[in-house]
């Protein structure tokens, strides 16, 4: 940074004529002391600083340097305890600043520029872009980034997690976008790619190896602590953050991916190629694309396959949500086959249910036919249990229900009415009343009820009121005993006698 000539003149005059020190000049002129030092050096008059003041740590510097040379990562707190035990009287805060000056610095590493042939290499990595709220669920927004090392052509696809299925879907979609496959793909130490590494021994994920065999490319992890080997994908991620995602507005994940595809084919492809800035990335990729490996006839399968346990309710839990199944398939192990848009529930080769996939949390995804089947099953079960209980007590009821069914009557209503009559009158009376109703050709509870009342009156028995009536019994079901009219005749005779006496 250039300084005005007047300021240079003032610095030189105060230093020579007034004999001010560098610090005094810097303070009075409100400039940094390095500015004053530079002006004096350019004038050919470098200043000389006085001898540094002695410090309490000076006697301990040889010990600190020797210890740090052997253990360069030793913490300042441990070093302070060691010199404190050797007589150092200073405090810990100032000691930390002094140790930082003595700690050895690793030498700067020089890297060779890596160059690749057209179609030879691609680089892949995940990048985290915050969270996306869907209903009650907050899901991580992950970007799958694939870049061709030669042309720097970019593929970008967003997912709601970084699981293996989405990792494979990113590969398949990227190869289709490029129209081919690079011969080598470099991976960072992703759990989706490398399960274990001990020195040079690497154990890849078996599913990734199957994908690599399907597309005939070589998966290759970068060396440990050698980030320069995958610098192209790292720069592509940074470029994506700054040029695409910053201040980006989108409705949902599909809208975001549609915008990402348009951006990769547009601005990202039209930028200058770092290897040859006279050409665009799109132009260099057009020359590289024929060198890629051809795509196989079919894409690699990427469906999620998960075994799930159906409980007592007709639902299975998958990816935080509940999906309905037929009610006759409860309490067994089923299989979920899921794509980004659909969920299939199968039992062996039989498809039990197909639902749209939900990324919400705790949401029930239901097929109305499953719920209706459950309702029908419960109703039939209740009717079946009532019919069995009625037939066990009164076998004649089977014939009445059979004839009622032929007439199209509601068997559930008839069964419930007969069960109430059974509770009031008992099995013997009900059996006789059913026989009477069938003899009249009226298979209906009202005919049975009238037959029961006739038998009760003929036997001069009181109404069966000792038993508590259910709340559902209606007024028309209660027996009504007509009052004798002789009481009214007696009252009329009494009135006539009173009138005669009065006259």
Protein backbone atom coordinates (compact mmCIF):
# COMPACT_ATOMS: atom_id res chain seq x y z
CA UNK A 1 0.00 0.00 0.00
CA UNK A 2 1.46 3.35 -1.09
CA UNK A 3 1.69 6.20 1.41
CA UNK A 4 1.64 9.92 0.60
CA UNK A 5 5.03 11.69 0.06
CA UNK A 6 4.20 14.13 2.86
CA UNK A 7 3.89 11.24 5.33
CA UNK A 8 7.26 9.82 4.23
CA UNK A 9 8.85 13.18 4.76
CA UNK A 10 7.38 13.48 8.24
CA UNK A 11 8.63 10.02 9.21
CA UNK A 12 12.18 10.80 8.03
CA UNK A 13 12.24 14.18 9.73
CA UNK A 14 10.99 12.89 13.09
CA UNK A 15 13.44 9.99 12.99
CA UNK A 16 16.57 12.04 12.07
CA UNK A 17 15.91 15.53 13.29
CA UNK A 18 13.84 14.82 16.41
CA UNK A 19 15.40 11.44 17.22
CA UNK A 20 11.99 9.82 17.79
CA UNK A 21 11.75 6.07 18.07
CA UNK A 22 9.81 3.97 15.59
CA UNK A 23 7.01 3.30 18.07
CA UNK A 24 6.67 6.99 18.92
CA UNK A 25 6.46 7.96 15.25
CA UNK A 26 3.85 5.27 14.56
CA UNK A 27 1.76 6.38 17.56
CA UNK A 28 1.85 10.09 16.77
CA UNK A 29 1.20 9.71 13.03
CA UNK A 30 -1.43 6.99 13.56
CA UNK A 31 0.25 4.42 11.31
CA UNK A 32 1.47 0.89 11.86
CA UNK A 33 5.08 0.49 13.02
CA UNK A 34 5.79 -1.65 9.95
CA UNK A 35 5.00 1.39 7.76
CA UNK A 36 7.61 3.42 9.59
CA UNK A 37 10.15 0.60 9.31
CA UNK A 38 9.51 0.24 5.56
CA UNK A 39 9.94 3.97 4.92
CA UNK A 40 13.27 4.01 6.80
CA UNK A 41 14.48 0.90 4.93
CA UNK A 42 13.56 2.40 1.53
CA UNK A 43 15.51 5.52 2.47
CA UNK A 44 18.59 3.39 3.07
CA UNK A 45 18.57 4.10 6.79
CA UNK A 46 17.29 0.92 8.48
CA UNK A 47 16.67 1.54 12.11
CA UNK A 48 18.23 -0.56 14.83
CA UNK A 49 16.10 -1.81 17.65
CA UNK A 50 17.38 -2.07 21.16
CA UNK A 51 18.16 -5.32 22.86
CA UNK A 52 15.01 -7.22 23.88
CA UNK A 53 14.07 -7.09 27.49
CA UNK A 54 14.82 -10.19 29.54
CA UNK A 55 11.86 -12.52 30.22
CA UNK A 56 11.08 -15.02 32.97
CA UNK A 57 10.86 -17.80 30.40
CA UNK A 58 14.36 -17.29 28.96
CA UNK A 59 16.04 -19.94 31.21
CA UNK A 60 13.41 -22.48 30.18
CA UNK A 61 13.51 -21.94 26.41
CA UNK A 62 16.12 -24.65 25.71
CA UNK A 63 14.02 -27.19 27.65
CA UNK A 64 10.83 -26.13 25.81
CA UNK A 65 12.43 -26.32 22.38
CA UNK A 66 13.93 -29.73 23.07
CA UNK A 67 10.60 -31.06 24.41
CA UNK A 68 8.60 -29.65 21.47
CA UNK A 69 11.07 -31.11 19.00
CA UNK A 70 10.35 -34.56 20.43
CA UNK A 71 6.65 -34.04 21.08
CA UNK A 72 5.39 -31.29 18.74
CA UNK A 73 1.69 -31.90 19.63
CA UNK A 74 2.15 -31.63 23.40
CA UNK A 75 -0.42 -29.21 24.82
CA UNK A 76 0.48 -25.88 26.41
CA UNK A 77 -1.19 -26.86 29.68
CA UNK A 78 1.03 -29.95 29.99
CA UNK A 79 4.16 -27.93 29.12
CA UNK A 80 3.20 -25.32 31.72
CA UNK A 81 2.91 -28.01 34.40
CA UNK A 82 6.35 -29.34 33.41
CA UNK A 83 8.13 -25.94 33.56
CA UNK A 84 6.17 -25.00 36.69
CA UNK A 85 7.62 -28.07 38.39
CA UNK A 86 11.07 -26.82 37.31
CA UNK A 87 10.62 -23.43 38.94
CA UNK A 88 8.93 -21.22 36.33
CA UNK A 89 7.17 -18.38 38.25
CA UNK A 90 4.96 -16.97 35.46
CA UNK A 91 1.23 -17.39 34.91
CA UNK A 92 -0.45 -19.80 32.47
CA UNK A 93 -2.06 -17.23 30.16
CA UNK A 94 1.14 -15.46 29.12
CA UNK A 95 2.90 -18.82 28.95
CA UNK A 96 0.52 -20.00 26.22
CA UNK A 97 1.46 -17.07 23.99
CA UNK A 98 5.16 -17.71 24.56
CA UNK A 99 4.87 -21.42 23.78
CA UNK A 100 2.98 -20.69 20.55
CA UNK A 101 6.06 -18.84 19.27
CA UNK A 102 8.34 -21.79 20.07
CA UNK A 103 6.14 -24.57 18.69
CA UNK A 104 7.66 -25.99 15.47
CA UNK A 105 5.71 -25.37 12.31
CA UNK A 106 5.38 -28.10 9.66
CA UNK A 107 7.19 -27.21 6.46
CA UNK A 108 5.01 -26.00 3.62
CA UNK A 109 4.24 -28.83 1.23
CA UNK A 110 4.52 -28.42 -2.51
CA UNK A 111 2.07 -30.31 -4.70
CA UNK A 112 2.47 -31.40 -8.26
CA UNK A 113 -0.36 -30.35 -10.56
CA UNK A 114 -2.36 -33.45 -11.38
CA UNK A 115 -3.42 -33.87 -14.99
CA UNK A 116 -5.71 -36.55 -16.39
CA UNK A 117 -6.59 -37.83 -19.82
CA UNK A 118 -10.03 -37.27 -21.36
CA UNK A 119 -12.58 -39.74 -19.96
CA UNK A 120 -10.04 -41.16 -17.53
CA UNK A 121 -11.17 -39.92 -14.12
CA UNK A 122 -14.11 -38.53 -12.17
CA UNK A 123 -14.38 -37.40 -8.54
CA UNK A 124 -17.35 -37.86 -6.19
CA UNK A 125 -18.29 -36.45 -2.80
CA UNK A 126 -21.23 -35.54 -0.55
CA UNK A 127 -21.86 -31.98 0.63
CA UNK A 128 -24.18 -30.88 3.43
CA UNK A 129 -26.53 -27.97 2.68
CA UNK A 130 -28.45 -27.63 5.95
CA UNK A 131 -31.88 -29.10 6.62
CA UNK A 132 -35.18 -29.25 4.75
CA UNK A 133 -38.45 -29.23 6.72
CA UNK A 134 -41.19 -31.52 5.39
CA UNK A 135 -44.29 -31.56 7.58
CA UNK A 136 -43.07 -32.44 11.07
CA UNK A 137 -39.74 -33.86 9.86
CA UNK A 138 -36.45 -31.97 9.55
CA UNK A 139 -34.32 -33.93 7.09
CA UNK A 140 -30.70 -33.26 6.08
CA UNK A 141 -30.30 -31.75 2.63
CA UNK A 142 -27.36 -33.54 1.00
CA UNK A 143 -25.84 -32.80 -2.40
CA UNK A 144 -24.28 -35.57 -4.46
CA UNK A 145 -21.54 -34.01 -6.60
CA UNK A 146 -19.75 -35.75 -9.47
CA UNK A 147 -17.20 -33.90 -11.63
CA UNK A 148 -15.12 -35.09 -14.58
CA UNK A 149 -11.47 -34.32 -13.85
CA UNK A 150 -10.55 -33.40 -17.43
CA UNK A 151 -13.37 -31.14 -18.58
CA UNK A 152 -14.70 -30.20 -15.09
CA UNK A 153 -18.21 -30.99 -16.32
CA UNK A 154 -20.43 -31.08 -13.24
CA UNK A 155 -23.38 -33.21 -12.10
CA UNK A 156 -25.42 -32.14 -9.07
CA UNK A 157 -28.31 -33.95 -7.40
CA UNK A 158 -29.89 -33.26 -3.97
CA UNK A 159 -31.16 -35.97 -1.62
CA UNK A 160 -32.69 -36.08 1.85
CA UNK A 161 -29.97 -38.30 3.32
CA UNK A 162 -26.60 -39.79 2.42
CA UNK A 163 -27.52 -43.46 2.65
CA UNK A 164 -26.19 -46.06 0.23
CA UNK A 165 -29.37 -46.15 -1.91
CA UNK A 166 -29.14 -42.41 -2.61
CA UNK A 167 -25.39 -42.74 -3.16
CA UNK A 168 -26.08 -45.30 -5.89
CA UNK A 169 -28.93 -43.21 -7.35
CA UNK A 170 -26.49 -40.32 -7.67
CA UNK A 171 -24.08 -42.55 -9.61
CA UNK A 172 -26.78 -43.83 -11.96
CA UNK A 173 -28.20 -40.36 -12.65
CA UNK A 174 -24.71 -38.88 -13.11
CA UNK A 175 -23.66 -41.53 -15.63
CA UNK A 176 -26.89 -40.98 -17.57
CA UNK A 177 -26.33 -37.20 -17.55
CA UNK A 178 -22.77 -37.65 -18.86
CA UNK A 179 -23.82 -40.29 -21.37
CA UNK A 180 -20.97 -42.53 -20.23
CA UNK A 181 -18.73 -43.60 -17.37
CA UNK A 182 -15.17 -42.49 -16.51
CA UNK A 183 -12.67 -45.31 -16.11
CA UNK A 184 -11.69 -44.34 -12.54
CA UNK A 185 -13.76 -42.70 -9.80
CA UNK A 186 -12.05 -41.15 -6.78
CA UNK A 187 -13.78 -41.22 -3.40
CA UNK A 188 -13.01 -39.55 -0.12
CA UNK A 189 -13.21 -41.73 2.97
CA UNK A 190 -17.00 -41.98 2.82
CA UNK A 191 -18.78 -44.70 4.77
CA UNK A 192 -20.78 -45.37 1.63
CA UNK A 193 -17.56 -46.24 -0.22
CA UNK A 194 -14.89 -47.48 2.21
CA UNK A 195 -15.88 -49.71 5.12
CA UNK A 196 -12.39 -50.16 6.55
CA UNK A 197 -8.85 -49.06 5.82
CA UNK A 198 -5.65 -50.19 7.54
CA UNK A 199 -2.62 -48.68 5.85
CA UNK A 200 -2.84 -49.58 2.18
CA UNK A 201 -5.38 -52.36 2.81
CA UNK A 202 -8.85 -51.13 1.80
CA UNK A 203 -12.22 -52.84 2.15
CA UNK A 204 -14.84 -51.30 -0.14
CA UNK A 205 -18.56 -51.52 0.47
CA UNK A 206 -19.78 -54.65 -1.37
CA UNK A 207 -22.77 -52.83 -2.88
CA UNK A 208 -20.47 -50.16 -4.33
CA UNK A 209 -18.26 -52.87 -5.77
CA UNK A 210 -21.33 -54.42 -7.41
CA UNK A 211 -22.19 -51.04 -8.94
CA UNK A 212 -18.60 -50.61 -10.15
CA UNK A 213 -18.70 -54.06 -11.74
CA UNK A 214 -22.01 -53.26 -13.44
CA UNK A 215 -20.61 -50.05 -15.01
CA UNK A 216 -17.03 -51.42 -15.39
CA UNK A 217 -15.18 -48.57 -13.65
CA UNK A 218 -12.48 -48.71 -10.97
CA UNK A 219 -13.33 -47.28 -7.53
CA UNK A 220 -10.28 -45.68 -5.97
CA UNK A 221 -10.06 -43.86 -2.60
CA UNK A 222 -7.79 -40.86 -2.21
CA UNK A 223 -4.71 -41.19 -0.02
CA UNK A 224 -4.98 -40.29 3.65
CA UNK A 225 -4.45 -36.55 4.35
CA UNK A 226 -4.04 -35.83 0.62
CA UNK A 227 -6.93 -33.50 -0.07
CA UNK A 228 -5.24 -32.19 -3.22
CA UNK A 229 -6.05 -35.48 -4.96
CA UNK A 230 -9.76 -34.65 -4.91
CA UNK A 231 -9.38 -30.91 -5.23
CA UNK A 232 -11.57 -30.79 -8.34
CA UNK A 233 -14.69 -32.01 -6.52
CA UNK A 234 -13.89 -29.81 -3.51
CA UNK A 235 -13.73 -26.74 -5.75
CA UNK A 236 -16.92 -27.89 -7.51
CA UNK A 237 -18.71 -28.00 -4.13
CA UNK A 238 -17.46 -24.53 -3.24
CA UNK A 239 -18.52 -23.28 -6.66
CA UNK A 240 -21.96 -24.84 -6.12
CA UNK A 241 -22.37 -23.13 -2.73
CA UNK A 242 -21.38 -19.69 -4.04
CA UNK A 243 -22.85 -19.69 -7.54
CA UNK A 244 -25.93 -21.90 -7.25
CA UNK A 245 -27.22 -22.44 -3.72
CA UNK A 246 -26.60 -19.01 -2.19
CA UNK A 247 -29.97 -17.17 -1.81
CA UNK A 248 -31.67 -19.90 -3.87
CA UNK A 249 -35.45 -20.21 -3.47
CA UNK A 250 -37.29 -23.46 -4.24
CA UNK A 251 -40.66 -25.05 -3.46
CA UNK A 252 -39.55 -28.59 -2.71
CA UNK A 253 -36.84 -31.13 -3.46
CA UNK A 254 -38.06 -31.79 -7.01
CA UNK A 255 -38.01 -28.08 -7.80
CA UNK A 256 -34.49 -27.75 -6.36
CA UNK A 257 -33.21 -30.66 -8.47
CA UNK A 258 -34.85 -29.25 -11.60
CA UNK A 259 -33.06 -25.94 -10.99
CA UNK A 260 -29.78 -27.79 -10.32
CA UNK A 261 -30.05 -29.66 -13.63
CA UNK A 262 -30.71 -26.43 -15.53
CA UNK A 263 -27.77 -24.75 -13.80
CA UNK A 264 -25.37 -27.63 -14.61
CA UNK A 265 -26.36 -27.48 -18.29
CA UNK A 266 -26.34 -23.68 -18.36
CA UNK A 267 -24.05 -21.40 -16.31
CA UNK A 268 -21.87 -24.21 -14.93
CA UNK A 269 -21.25 -25.63 -18.43
CA UNK A 270 -20.61 -22.21 -19.96
CA UNK A 271 -17.89 -21.18 -17.49
CA UNK A 272 -14.25 -21.20 -18.73
CA UNK A 273 -12.48 -24.55 -18.38
CA UNK A 274 -9.64 -24.27 -15.81
CA UNK A 275 -7.34 -26.38 -17.99
CA UNK A 276 -7.90 -24.22 -21.10
CA UNK A 277 -9.58 -20.91 -20.36
CA UNK A 278 -10.01 -20.18 -24.05
CA UNK A 279 -12.74 -22.85 -24.14
CA UNK A 280 -15.85 -23.43 -22.09
CA UNK A 281 -16.45 -26.52 -19.96
CA UNK A 282 -19.17 -27.57 -22.40
CA UNK A 283 -16.80 -27.42 -25.37
CA UNK A 284 -14.13 -29.47 -23.60
CA UNK A 285 -16.73 -31.98 -22.42
CA UNK A 286 -17.99 -32.41 -25.99
CA UNK A 287 -14.50 -33.63 -26.89
CA UNK A 288 -14.21 -35.78 -23.77
CA UNK A 289 -17.60 -37.48 -23.92
CA UNK A 290 -16.73 -40.00 -26.70
CA UNK A 291 -13.81 -41.20 -24.52
CA UNK A 292 -16.12 -42.28 -21.69
CA UNK A 293 -17.06 -45.93 -21.22
CA UNK A 294 -20.45 -46.76 -22.77
CA UNK A 295 -23.46 -47.26 -20.52
CA UNK A 296 -24.76 -50.81 -19.97
CA UNK A 297 -28.13 -51.87 -21.36
CA UNK A 298 -29.87 -51.58 -17.97
CA UNK A 299 -29.16 -49.25 -15.04
CA UNK A 300 -27.97 -50.60 -11.71
CA UNK A 301 -30.94 -51.36 -9.35
CA UNK A 302 -31.25 -48.79 -6.58
CA UNK A 303 -34.44 -49.81 -4.76
CA UNK A 304 -34.28 -49.86 -0.98
CA UNK A 305 -35.07 -53.31 0.38
CA UNK A 306 -36.01 -53.42 4.07
CA UNK A 307 -37.59 -56.21 6.14
CA UNK A 308 -40.39 -54.85 8.36
CA UNK A 309 -42.55 -56.41 11.06
CA UNK A 310 -46.32 -55.93 10.91
CA UNK A 311 -47.91 -55.78 14.36
CA UNK A 312 -51.53 -56.11 15.42
CA UNK A 313 -52.60 -53.05 13.45
CA UNK A 314 -52.60 -53.17 9.62
CA UNK A 315 -49.57 -50.88 9.21
CA UNK A 316 -45.81 -51.23 8.75
CA UNK A 317 -43.28 -48.57 9.77
CA UNK A 318 -40.78 -47.42 7.13
CA UNK A 319 -38.59 -44.29 7.16
CA UNK A 320 -40.49 -42.63 10.08
CA UNK A 321 -43.98 -43.17 8.58
CA UNK A 322 -46.73 -45.84 8.72
CA UNK A 323 -48.00 -47.50 5.53
CA UNK A 324 -51.24 -49.53 5.49
CA UNK A 325 -51.44 -53.20 4.49
CA UNK A 326 -54.37 -55.63 4.05
CA UNK A 327 -55.76 -56.57 7.49
CA UNK A 328 -55.25 -60.29 6.89
CA UNK A 329 -51.43 -59.81 6.68
CA UNK A 330 -50.80 -58.57 10.23
CA UNK A 331 -48.32 -60.08 12.70
CA UNK A 332 -45.80 -61.30 10.16
CA UNK A 333 -42.55 -60.18 8.53
CA UNK A 334 -42.93 -58.37 5.20
CA UNK A 335 -40.56 -56.62 2.80
CA UNK A 336 -40.57 -52.96 1.75
CA UNK A 337 -39.22 -52.04 -1.70
CA UNK A 338 -38.86 -48.25 -1.95
CA UNK A 339 -37.89 -45.77 -4.64
CA UNK A 340 -37.68 -41.99 -4.13
CA UNK A 341 -41.36 -41.69 -5.12
CA UNK A 342 -43.10 -45.00 -4.25
CA UNK A 343 -43.22 -47.65 -1.53
CA UNK A 344 -44.19 -51.26 -2.32
CA UNK A 345 -44.94 -53.79 0.42
CA UNK A 346 -44.49 -57.38 -0.68
CA UNK A 347 -44.71 -60.88 0.76
CA UNK A 348 -42.42 -63.00 -1.37
CA UNK A 349 -43.45 -62.35 -4.97
CA UNK A 350 -46.91 -61.00 -4.02
CA UNK A 351 -47.35 -57.22 -3.95
CA UNK A 352 -49.63 -56.41 -1.00
CA UNK A 353 -49.72 -52.62 -1.23
CA UNK A 354 -48.31 -49.70 -3.24
CA UNK A 355 -48.18 -46.20 -1.73
CA UNK A 356 -46.68 -42.83 -2.66
CA UNK A 357 -43.58 -42.23 -0.55
CA UNK A 358 -43.80 -39.70 2.27
CA UNK A 359 -40.84 -37.83 3.78
CA UNK A 360 -42.91 -36.52 6.68
CA UNK A 361 -42.63 -37.95 10.19
CA UNK A 362 -45.32 -40.04 11.92
CA UNK A 363 -47.75 -39.67 9.01
CA UNK A 364 -50.20 -42.51 8.19
CA UNK A 365 -50.22 -43.33 4.47
CA UNK A 366 -53.38 -45.35 3.92
CA UNK A 367 -55.19 -47.20 1.16
CA UNK A 368 -58.99 -46.78 1.68
CA UNK A 369 -59.61 -50.36 0.58
CA UNK A 370 -57.42 -51.64 3.43
CA UNK A 371 -59.40 -49.69 6.01
CA UNK A 372 -62.74 -50.76 4.54
CA UNK A 373 -61.64 -54.38 4.56
CA UNK A 374 -60.75 -54.03 8.24
CA UNK A 375 -64.15 -52.52 9.06
CA UNK A 376 -65.99 -55.25 7.15
CA UNK A 377 -63.90 -57.91 8.84
CA UNK A 378 -64.68 -56.55 12.32
CA UNK A 379 -68.40 -56.33 11.59
CA UNK A 380 -68.46 -59.85 10.23
CA UNK A 381 -66.53 -61.07 13.25
CA UNK A 382 -68.98 -59.46 15.67
CA UNK A 383 -71.97 -60.91 13.78
CA UNK A 384 -70.32 -64.31 13.58
CA UNK A 385 -69.66 -64.42 17.32
CA UNK A 386 -73.28 -63.40 18.08
CA UNK A 387 -74.69 -65.96 15.67
CA UNK A 388 -72.60 -68.74 17.19
CA UNK A 389 -73.72 -67.82 20.71
CA UNK A 390 -77.37 -67.68 19.63
CA UNK A 391 -77.19 -71.01 17.76
CA UNK A 392 -75.54 -72.72 20.71
CA UNK A 393 -78.41 -71.63 23.02
CA UNK A 394 -81.32 -71.92 20.55
CA UNK A 395 -80.58 -74.16 17.52
CA UNK A 396 -83.91 -73.11 15.91
CA UNK A 397 -82.41 -69.64 15.37
CA UNK A 398 -80.31 -70.94 12.44
CA UNK A 399 -83.44 -71.68 10.40
CA UNK A 400 -84.93 -68.26 11.22
CA UNK A 401 -81.73 -66.48 10.15
CA UNK A 402 -81.56 -68.56 6.96
CA UNK A 403 -85.09 -67.60 5.97
CA UNK A 404 -84.44 -63.96 6.90
CA UNK A 405 -81.33 -63.96 4.70
CA UNK A 406 -83.37 -65.21 1.74
CA UNK A 407 -85.73 -62.26 2.26
CA UNK A 408 -82.80 -59.83 2.30
CA UNK A 409 -83.17 -58.72 5.93
CA UNK A 410 -80.25 -57.41 8.00
CA UNK A 411 -78.89 -60.42 9.84
CA UNK A 412 -76.87 -58.32 12.28
CA UNK A 413 -79.97 -56.47 13.49
CA UNK A 414 -81.99 -59.71 13.76
CA UNK A 415 -79.19 -61.45 15.69
CA UNK A 416 -78.90 -58.55 18.14
CA UNK A 417 -82.70 -58.52 18.74
CA UNK A 418 -82.83 -62.27 19.33
CA UNK A 419 -79.92 -62.07 21.76
CA UNK A 420 -81.82 -59.46 23.80
CA UNK A 421 -84.91 -61.70 23.85
CA UNK A 422 -82.73 -64.61 24.90
CA UNK A 423 -81.43 -62.59 27.84
CA UNK A 424 -84.99 -61.65 28.95
CA UNK A 425 -86.95 -64.84 28.44
CA UNK A 426 -84.40 -67.63 28.41
CA UNK A 427 -83.54 -70.28 25.84
CA UNK A 428 -86.63 -72.50 26.34
CA UNK A 429 -89.18 -69.73 25.80
CA UNK A 430 -87.24 -68.25 22.89
CA UNK A 431 -87.03 -71.63 21.15
CA UNK A 432 -90.81 -72.09 21.41
CA UNK A 433 -91.44 -68.53 20.15
CA UNK A 434 -89.11 -69.04 17.17
CA UNK A 435 -90.96 -72.24 16.27
CA UNK A 436 -94.25 -70.31 16.39
CA UNK A 437 -92.88 -67.51 14.21
CA UNK A 438 -91.53 -70.00 11.67
CA UNK A 439 -94.87 -71.83 11.63
CA UNK A 440 -96.56 -68.54 10.69
CA UNK A 441 -93.96 -67.96 7.96
CA UNK A 442 -92.67 -64.71 9.56
CA UNK A 443 -88.91 -65.04 10.26
CA UNK A 444 -88.64 -61.71 12.09
CA UNK A 445 -87.89 -60.69 15.71
CA UNK A 446 -91.25 -58.91 15.98
CA UNK A 447 -93.11 -62.17 15.36
CA UNK A 448 -90.90 -63.88 17.93
CA UNK A 449 -91.59 -61.10 20.43
CA UNK A 450 -95.37 -61.36 19.96
CA UNK A 451 -95.21 -65.15 20.39
CA UNK A 452 -93.26 -64.68 23.64
CA UNK A 453 -95.88 -62.24 24.95
CA UNK A 454 -98.76 -64.56 24.06
CA UNK A 455 -97.07 -67.44 25.89
CA UNK A 456 -96.40 -65.25 28.93
CA UNK A 457 -100.03 -64.04 29.10
CA UNK A 458 -101.38 -67.54 28.58
CA UNK A 459 -99.25 -68.75 31.47
CA UNK A 460 -100.23 -65.63 33.51
CA UNK A 461 -96.62 -64.81 34.25
CA UNK A 462 -95.50 -61.23 35.03
CA UNK A 463 -93.41 -59.34 32.51
CA UNK A 464 -89.69 -60.17 32.75
CA UNK A 465 -88.76 -56.83 34.34
CA UNK A 466 -86.45 -58.32 36.93
CA UNK A 467 -83.65 -58.34 34.38
CA UNK A 468 -82.01 -54.95 33.63
CA UNK A 469 -82.91 -53.72 30.15
CA UNK A 470 -80.02 -52.75 27.86
CA UNK A 471 -79.76 -49.06 26.94
CA UNK A 472 -80.36 -49.86 23.26
CA UNK A 473 -83.84 -51.25 23.92
CA UNK A 474 -86.41 -48.97 22.30
CA UNK A 475 -89.87 -48.13 23.61
CA UNK A 476 -91.59 -50.32 21.01
CA UNK A 477 -89.69 -53.36 22.27
CA UNK A 478 -91.07 -53.04 25.83
CA UNK A 479 -94.18 -55.20 26.50
CA UNK A 480 -97.33 -53.18 27.34
CA UNK A 481 -100.11 -54.90 29.38
CA UNK A 482 -103.57 -53.46 28.58
CA UNK A 483 -105.55 -52.23 31.58
CA UNK A 484 -108.84 -54.00 32.46
CA UNK A 485 -111.95 -51.93 31.52
CA UNK A 486 -114.07 -53.23 34.46
CA UNK A 487 -112.54 -50.52 36.66
CA UNK A 488 -114.04 -47.87 34.37
CA UNK A 489 -117.48 -49.61 34.51
CA UNK A 490 -117.30 -49.63 38.30
CA UNK A 491 -116.49 -45.90 38.35
CA UNK A 492 -119.44 -45.15 36.06
CA UNK A 493 -121.86 -47.07 38.36
CA UNK A 494 -120.60 -45.18 41.38
CA UNK A 495 -121.18 -41.83 39.70
CA UNK A 496 -124.75 -42.82 38.77
CA UNK A 497 -125.57 -43.81 42.40
CA UNK A 498 -124.26 -40.52 43.73
CA UNK A 499 -126.42 -38.55 41.35
CA UNK A 500 -129.56 -40.50 42.39
CA UNK A 501 -128.95 -39.83 46.08
CA UNK A 502 -128.52 -36.15 45.38
CA UNK A 503 -131.82 -35.91 43.61
